[in-house]
N, C-alpha and C. Protein backbone atom coordinates (compact mmCIF):
# COMPACT_ATOMS: atom_id res chain seq x y z
N MET A 1 -13.94 51.02 -62.06
CA MET A 1 -13.18 50.77 -63.23
C MET A 1 -12.14 49.95 -62.93
N ALA A 2 -11.36 50.07 -61.79
CA ALA A 2 -10.07 49.17 -61.39
C ALA A 2 -10.60 47.85 -61.45
N LYS A 3 -11.91 47.29 -60.95
CA LYS A 3 -12.16 46.01 -60.78
C LYS A 3 -12.54 45.55 -62.19
N ARG A 4 -13.08 46.39 -63.13
CA ARG A 4 -13.37 45.72 -64.65
C ARG A 4 -11.89 45.57 -64.94
N LEU A 5 -10.82 46.44 -64.94
CA LEU A 5 -9.67 45.88 -65.71
C LEU A 5 -9.12 44.94 -64.98
N LEU A 6 -9.09 44.73 -63.70
CA LEU A 6 -8.40 43.57 -63.03
C LEU A 6 -9.11 42.30 -63.58
N LEU A 7 -10.60 42.41 -63.47
CA LEU A 7 -11.40 41.17 -64.08
C LEU A 7 -10.90 40.99 -65.59
N ALA A 8 -10.64 41.79 -66.48
CA ALA A 8 -10.13 41.53 -67.80
C ALA A 8 -8.71 41.04 -67.88
N ALA A 9 -7.93 41.46 -66.97
CA ALA A 9 -6.54 40.59 -66.94
C ALA A 9 -6.63 39.56 -66.51
N VAL A 10 -7.31 39.00 -65.56
CA VAL A 10 -7.57 37.88 -64.98
C VAL A 10 -8.09 36.83 -65.99
N LEU A 11 -9.17 37.28 -66.72
CA LEU A 11 -9.62 36.47 -67.81
C LEU A 11 -8.87 36.12 -69.01
N ALA A 12 -7.93 37.23 -69.26
CA ALA A 12 -7.01 37.18 -70.36
C ALA A 12 -5.88 36.15 -70.24
N VAL A 13 -5.50 36.30 -68.78
CA VAL A 13 -4.28 35.22 -68.36
C VAL A 13 -4.96 33.82 -68.53
N GLY A 14 -6.09 33.74 -67.92
CA GLY A 14 -6.78 32.40 -67.84
C GLY A 14 -6.90 31.77 -68.96
N LEU A 15 -7.55 32.44 -69.93
CA LEU A 15 -7.87 31.97 -71.08
C LEU A 15 -6.69 31.67 -72.24
N SER A 16 -5.47 32.37 -71.68
CA SER A 16 -4.41 32.24 -72.73
C SER A 16 -3.88 30.77 -72.93
N GLY A 17 -4.06 30.08 -72.06
CA GLY A 17 -3.55 28.63 -72.50
C GLY A 17 -4.45 27.89 -73.03
N CYS A 18 -5.79 28.41 -73.56
CA CYS A 18 -6.55 27.85 -74.37
C CYS A 18 -6.33 27.81 -75.68
N VAL A 19 -5.54 28.75 -76.22
CA VAL A 19 -5.17 28.65 -77.64
C VAL A 19 -4.03 27.93 -77.97
N THR A 20 -4.26 27.13 -79.22
CA THR A 20 -3.41 26.13 -79.46
C THR A 20 -2.83 26.59 -80.82
N ALA A 21 -1.67 26.06 -81.15
CA ALA A 21 -1.08 26.66 -82.67
C ALA A 21 -1.53 25.51 -83.58
N GLY A 22 -2.14 24.54 -83.21
CA GLY A 22 -2.77 23.52 -84.27
C GLY A 22 -3.03 22.13 -83.77
N PRO A 23 -3.15 21.23 -84.69
CA PRO A 23 -3.40 19.97 -83.91
C PRO A 23 -2.26 19.31 -83.42
N VAL A 24 -2.39 18.65 -82.24
CA VAL A 24 -1.42 18.02 -81.65
C VAL A 24 -0.91 16.75 -82.40
N PRO A 25 0.30 16.52 -82.60
CA PRO A 25 0.76 15.51 -83.34
C PRO A 25 0.63 14.23 -82.56
N VAL A 26 0.01 13.08 -83.13
CA VAL A 26 0.17 11.83 -82.41
C VAL A 26 1.28 11.07 -82.54
N PRO A 27 2.14 10.41 -81.47
CA PRO A 27 3.31 9.84 -81.71
C PRO A 27 3.12 8.43 -82.42
N GLU A 28 3.99 8.16 -83.37
CA GLU A 28 3.86 6.84 -83.95
C GLU A 28 4.31 5.64 -83.09
N PRO A 29 3.57 4.41 -83.13
CA PRO A 29 4.12 3.42 -82.21
C PRO A 29 5.78 3.07 -82.75
N ALA A 30 6.35 2.64 -81.70
CA ALA A 30 7.81 2.08 -81.95
C ALA A 30 7.83 0.85 -83.08
N PRO A 31 8.63 0.91 -84.01
CA PRO A 31 8.62 -0.12 -84.92
C PRO A 31 9.05 -1.52 -84.02
N VAL A 32 8.57 -2.52 -84.68
CA VAL A 32 8.98 -3.94 -84.15
C VAL A 32 10.21 -4.47 -84.61
N PRO A 33 11.42 -4.67 -83.92
CA PRO A 33 12.53 -5.09 -84.46
C PRO A 33 12.31 -6.51 -85.11
N PRO A 34 13.06 -6.56 -86.35
CA PRO A 34 12.94 -7.81 -86.99
C PRO A 34 12.87 -9.13 -86.42
N ILE A 35 13.80 -9.31 -85.42
CA ILE A 35 13.85 -10.40 -84.69
C ILE A 35 12.80 -10.93 -83.90
N VAL A 36 11.93 -9.66 -83.35
CA VAL A 36 11.01 -9.96 -82.57
C VAL A 36 9.66 -10.40 -83.42
N ALA A 37 9.66 -9.75 -84.69
CA ALA A 37 8.71 -10.23 -85.55
C ALA A 37 8.73 -11.73 -85.99
N VAL A 38 10.09 -12.09 -86.07
CA VAL A 38 10.30 -13.65 -86.63
C VAL A 38 9.89 -14.32 -85.42
N ILE A 39 10.20 -14.22 -84.42
CA ILE A 39 9.82 -15.19 -83.13
C ILE A 39 8.39 -15.11 -82.75
N GLN A 40 7.74 -13.87 -83.18
CA GLN A 40 6.12 -13.89 -82.99
C GLN A 40 5.46 -14.86 -84.08
N GLU A 41 5.97 -14.82 -85.29
CA GLU A 41 5.52 -15.40 -86.36
C GLU A 41 5.92 -16.87 -86.34
N LYS A 42 7.05 -17.35 -85.69
CA LYS A 42 7.35 -18.78 -85.44
C LYS A 42 6.38 -19.52 -84.31
N ALA A 43 6.08 -18.60 -83.38
CA ALA A 43 5.25 -18.99 -82.21
C ALA A 43 3.70 -19.01 -82.71
N THR A 44 3.49 -18.17 -83.47
CA THR A 44 2.24 -18.19 -83.99
C THR A 44 1.73 -19.44 -84.91
N ILE A 45 2.82 -19.65 -85.75
CA ILE A 45 2.81 -21.10 -86.62
C ILE A 45 2.68 -22.34 -85.66
N ALA A 46 3.70 -22.44 -84.54
CA ALA A 46 3.93 -23.57 -83.84
C ALA A 46 2.75 -23.91 -83.02
N CYS A 47 2.27 -22.79 -82.23
CA CYS A 47 1.23 -23.17 -81.30
C CYS A 47 -0.05 -22.10 -81.54
N GLY A 48 -0.12 -21.35 -82.30
CA GLY A 48 -1.21 -20.55 -82.45
C GLY A 48 -1.42 -19.23 -81.31
N PHE A 49 -0.09 -18.96 -80.90
CA PHE A 49 -0.01 -17.98 -79.60
C PHE A 49 0.97 -16.79 -80.25
N LEU A 50 0.20 -15.77 -80.16
CA LEU A 50 1.18 -14.32 -80.47
C LEU A 50 1.64 -13.65 -79.26
N PRO A 51 2.81 -13.93 -78.77
CA PRO A 51 3.30 -13.21 -77.63
C PRO A 51 3.58 -11.83 -77.95
N ASP A 52 3.47 -10.93 -76.81
CA ASP A 52 3.41 -9.56 -76.88
C ASP A 52 4.80 -9.17 -77.20
N ASN A 53 4.93 -7.79 -77.81
CA ASN A 53 6.23 -7.59 -78.12
C ASN A 53 7.25 -7.24 -77.00
N ALA A 54 6.94 -6.82 -75.99
CA ALA A 54 7.83 -6.62 -74.68
C ALA A 54 8.26 -7.83 -74.05
N VAL A 55 7.22 -8.94 -74.22
CA VAL A 55 7.44 -10.27 -73.66
C VAL A 55 8.90 -10.68 -74.59
N VAL A 56 8.73 -10.85 -75.85
CA VAL A 56 9.83 -11.17 -76.76
C VAL A 56 11.09 -10.64 -76.38
N LYS A 57 10.96 -9.13 -76.19
CA LYS A 57 12.31 -8.39 -76.06
C LYS A 57 12.97 -8.79 -74.64
N ARG A 58 12.20 -9.06 -73.77
CA ARG A 58 12.79 -9.41 -72.51
C ARG A 58 13.25 -11.05 -72.48
N LEU A 59 12.46 -11.77 -73.32
CA LEU A 59 13.16 -13.10 -73.43
C LEU A 59 14.50 -13.19 -74.23
N LEU A 60 14.55 -12.34 -75.07
CA LEU A 60 15.96 -12.24 -76.00
C LEU A 60 17.03 -12.16 -74.99
N ASN A 61 16.90 -11.64 -73.80
CA ASN A 61 18.14 -11.50 -72.89
C ASN A 61 18.54 -12.90 -72.42
N PHE A 62 17.81 -13.74 -72.59
CA PHE A 62 18.25 -15.31 -72.05
C PHE A 62 18.60 -16.34 -73.10
N PHE A 63 18.19 -15.95 -74.39
CA PHE A 63 18.29 -16.77 -75.43
C PHE A 63 19.16 -16.15 -76.73
N SER A 64 19.89 -16.95 -77.26
CA SER A 64 20.65 -16.08 -78.39
C SER A 64 19.80 -15.94 -79.82
N PRO A 65 20.10 -15.10 -80.47
CA PRO A 65 19.30 -14.50 -81.43
C PRO A 65 19.50 -15.47 -82.92
N ASP A 66 20.26 -16.77 -82.76
CA ASP A 66 20.51 -17.46 -83.70
C ASP A 66 19.26 -18.41 -84.10
N ALA A 67 19.54 -19.27 -85.09
CA ALA A 67 18.10 -20.22 -85.47
C ALA A 67 18.01 -21.11 -84.08
N ALA A 68 18.96 -21.82 -83.54
CA ALA A 68 18.80 -22.55 -82.40
C ALA A 68 18.33 -21.70 -81.25
N GLY A 69 18.62 -20.70 -81.07
CA GLY A 69 18.15 -19.90 -79.97
C GLY A 69 16.57 -19.41 -80.00
N ILE A 70 16.17 -19.07 -81.45
CA ILE A 70 14.90 -18.79 -81.80
C ILE A 70 13.98 -19.93 -81.66
N LEU A 71 14.54 -21.35 -82.02
CA LEU A 71 13.60 -22.42 -81.80
C LEU A 71 13.51 -22.69 -80.41
N GLU A 72 14.53 -22.72 -79.68
CA GLU A 72 14.39 -22.96 -78.27
C GLU A 72 13.39 -21.97 -77.35
N LEU A 73 13.66 -20.69 -78.07
CA LEU A 73 12.60 -19.77 -77.26
C LEU A 73 11.10 -19.99 -77.56
N VAL A 74 10.85 -20.24 -78.94
CA VAL A 74 9.55 -20.61 -79.62
C VAL A 74 8.94 -21.72 -78.80
N GLN A 75 9.95 -22.90 -78.62
CA GLN A 75 9.36 -24.09 -77.84
C GLN A 75 9.24 -23.74 -76.39
N ASN A 76 9.85 -22.94 -75.84
CA ASN A 76 9.57 -22.43 -74.32
C ASN A 76 8.33 -21.74 -74.15
N ILE A 77 8.07 -20.88 -75.17
CA ILE A 77 6.90 -20.11 -75.07
C ILE A 77 5.63 -20.89 -75.32
N CYS A 78 5.71 -21.78 -76.24
CA CYS A 78 4.67 -22.76 -76.36
C CYS A 78 4.38 -23.65 -75.47
N SER A 79 5.30 -24.34 -74.88
CA SER A 79 5.08 -25.26 -73.50
C SER A 79 4.58 -24.64 -72.60
N ALA A 80 5.15 -23.20 -72.37
CA ALA A 80 4.46 -22.39 -71.13
C ALA A 80 2.95 -22.16 -71.23
N VAL A 81 2.66 -21.83 -72.45
CA VAL A 81 1.28 -21.33 -72.71
C VAL A 81 0.21 -22.54 -72.85
N ALA A 82 0.88 -23.91 -73.45
CA ALA A 82 0.03 -24.97 -73.45
C ALA A 82 0.30 -26.00 -72.34
N GLY A 83 1.12 -25.79 -71.15
CA GLY A 83 1.35 -26.75 -70.56
C GLY A 83 0.09 -26.75 -69.63
N PRO A 84 0.14 -27.99 -68.52
CA PRO A 84 -0.96 -28.15 -67.90
C PRO A 84 -0.95 -27.31 -66.68
N PRO A 85 -2.19 -26.94 -66.03
CA PRO A 85 -2.33 -25.84 -65.10
C PRO A 85 -1.50 -26.20 -63.62
N GLN A 86 -1.50 -25.38 -62.91
CA GLN A 86 -0.76 -25.78 -61.63
C GLN A 86 -1.75 -26.48 -60.93
N LYS A 87 -1.43 -27.66 -60.13
CA LYS A 87 -2.36 -28.41 -59.24
C LYS A 87 -2.21 -27.74 -57.95
N ALA A 88 -1.14 -27.20 -57.37
CA ALA A 88 -1.02 -26.81 -56.05
C ALA A 88 -2.13 -25.92 -55.56
N TYR A 89 -2.65 -25.07 -56.53
CA TYR A 89 -3.48 -23.86 -56.17
C TYR A 89 -4.63 -24.03 -57.35
N PRO A 90 -5.48 -25.12 -57.23
CA PRO A 90 -6.57 -25.22 -58.32
C PRO A 90 -7.42 -24.02 -58.65
N ARG A 91 -7.58 -23.14 -57.60
CA ARG A 91 -8.61 -22.12 -57.83
C ARG A 91 -7.91 -20.85 -58.30
N ARG A 92 -6.69 -20.84 -58.11
CA ARG A 92 -5.88 -19.53 -58.70
C ARG A 92 -5.50 -19.74 -60.24
N SER A 93 -5.68 -18.52 -60.88
CA SER A 93 -5.22 -18.84 -62.44
C SER A 93 -3.52 -18.24 -62.32
N SER A 94 -2.93 -19.01 -62.85
CA SER A 94 -1.61 -18.57 -62.74
C SER A 94 -1.16 -18.05 -64.33
N THR A 95 -0.50 -16.98 -64.49
CA THR A 95 0.13 -16.71 -65.75
C THR A 95 1.39 -17.41 -65.95
N PRO A 96 1.51 -18.04 -67.17
CA PRO A 96 2.61 -18.82 -67.51
C PRO A 96 3.90 -17.98 -67.61
N THR A 97 5.10 -18.57 -67.11
CA THR A 97 6.34 -17.79 -67.06
C THR A 97 7.35 -18.63 -67.84
N VAL A 98 8.42 -17.99 -68.39
CA VAL A 98 9.60 -18.56 -68.92
C VAL A 98 10.63 -17.52 -68.46
N LYS A 99 11.57 -18.44 -67.72
CA LYS A 99 12.70 -17.65 -67.18
C LYS A 99 12.35 -16.55 -66.44
N GLY A 100 11.31 -16.45 -65.48
CA GLY A 100 10.65 -15.60 -64.73
C GLY A 100 10.05 -14.31 -65.28
N VAL A 101 9.89 -14.65 -66.82
CA VAL A 101 9.01 -13.39 -67.60
C VAL A 101 7.63 -13.95 -67.71
N ARG A 102 6.84 -13.02 -67.31
CA ARG A 102 5.42 -13.60 -67.54
C ARG A 102 4.84 -13.55 -69.02
N ILE A 103 4.29 -14.60 -69.42
CA ILE A 103 4.10 -14.76 -71.07
C ILE A 103 2.60 -14.26 -71.14
N THR A 104 2.55 -13.02 -71.68
CA THR A 104 1.22 -12.43 -72.23
C THR A 104 1.16 -12.36 -73.74
N GLY A 105 0.05 -12.52 -74.24
CA GLY A 105 -0.30 -12.27 -75.79
C GLY A 105 -1.56 -12.80 -76.08
N THR A 106 -1.68 -13.23 -77.28
CA THR A 106 -3.25 -13.44 -77.66
C THR A 106 -3.02 -14.81 -78.43
N TRP A 107 -4.31 -15.53 -78.32
CA TRP A 107 -4.29 -16.74 -79.02
C TRP A 107 -4.81 -16.27 -80.44
N VAL A 108 -4.37 -16.94 -81.62
CA VAL A 108 -4.76 -16.65 -83.06
C VAL A 108 -5.44 -17.71 -83.74
N ARG A 109 -5.65 -18.78 -83.18
CA ARG A 109 -6.20 -19.97 -83.64
C ARG A 109 -7.52 -19.98 -83.15
């Protein structure tokens, strides 16, 4: 009898974690700041390349968020992704960088 009682207690404790109160809420993605969206739009128009949100956010540390700074940032991104490949190591694929930030994203054209 004691073994059955112990077994019932162990099963009750073990299965108590399986009960949930309902569906688990899915977190919403963080909204894209307006300046990041503007830079992504300008880069897409200029060279057909959509840089990732995180890349643009990191690059904003080096460029001012005014019109001249945005233009310079977009020009740097476009020249980095469209520039000639490195000739020192022809077999290595290198990720383009601007101010030490690796430029990642997708081509949209």
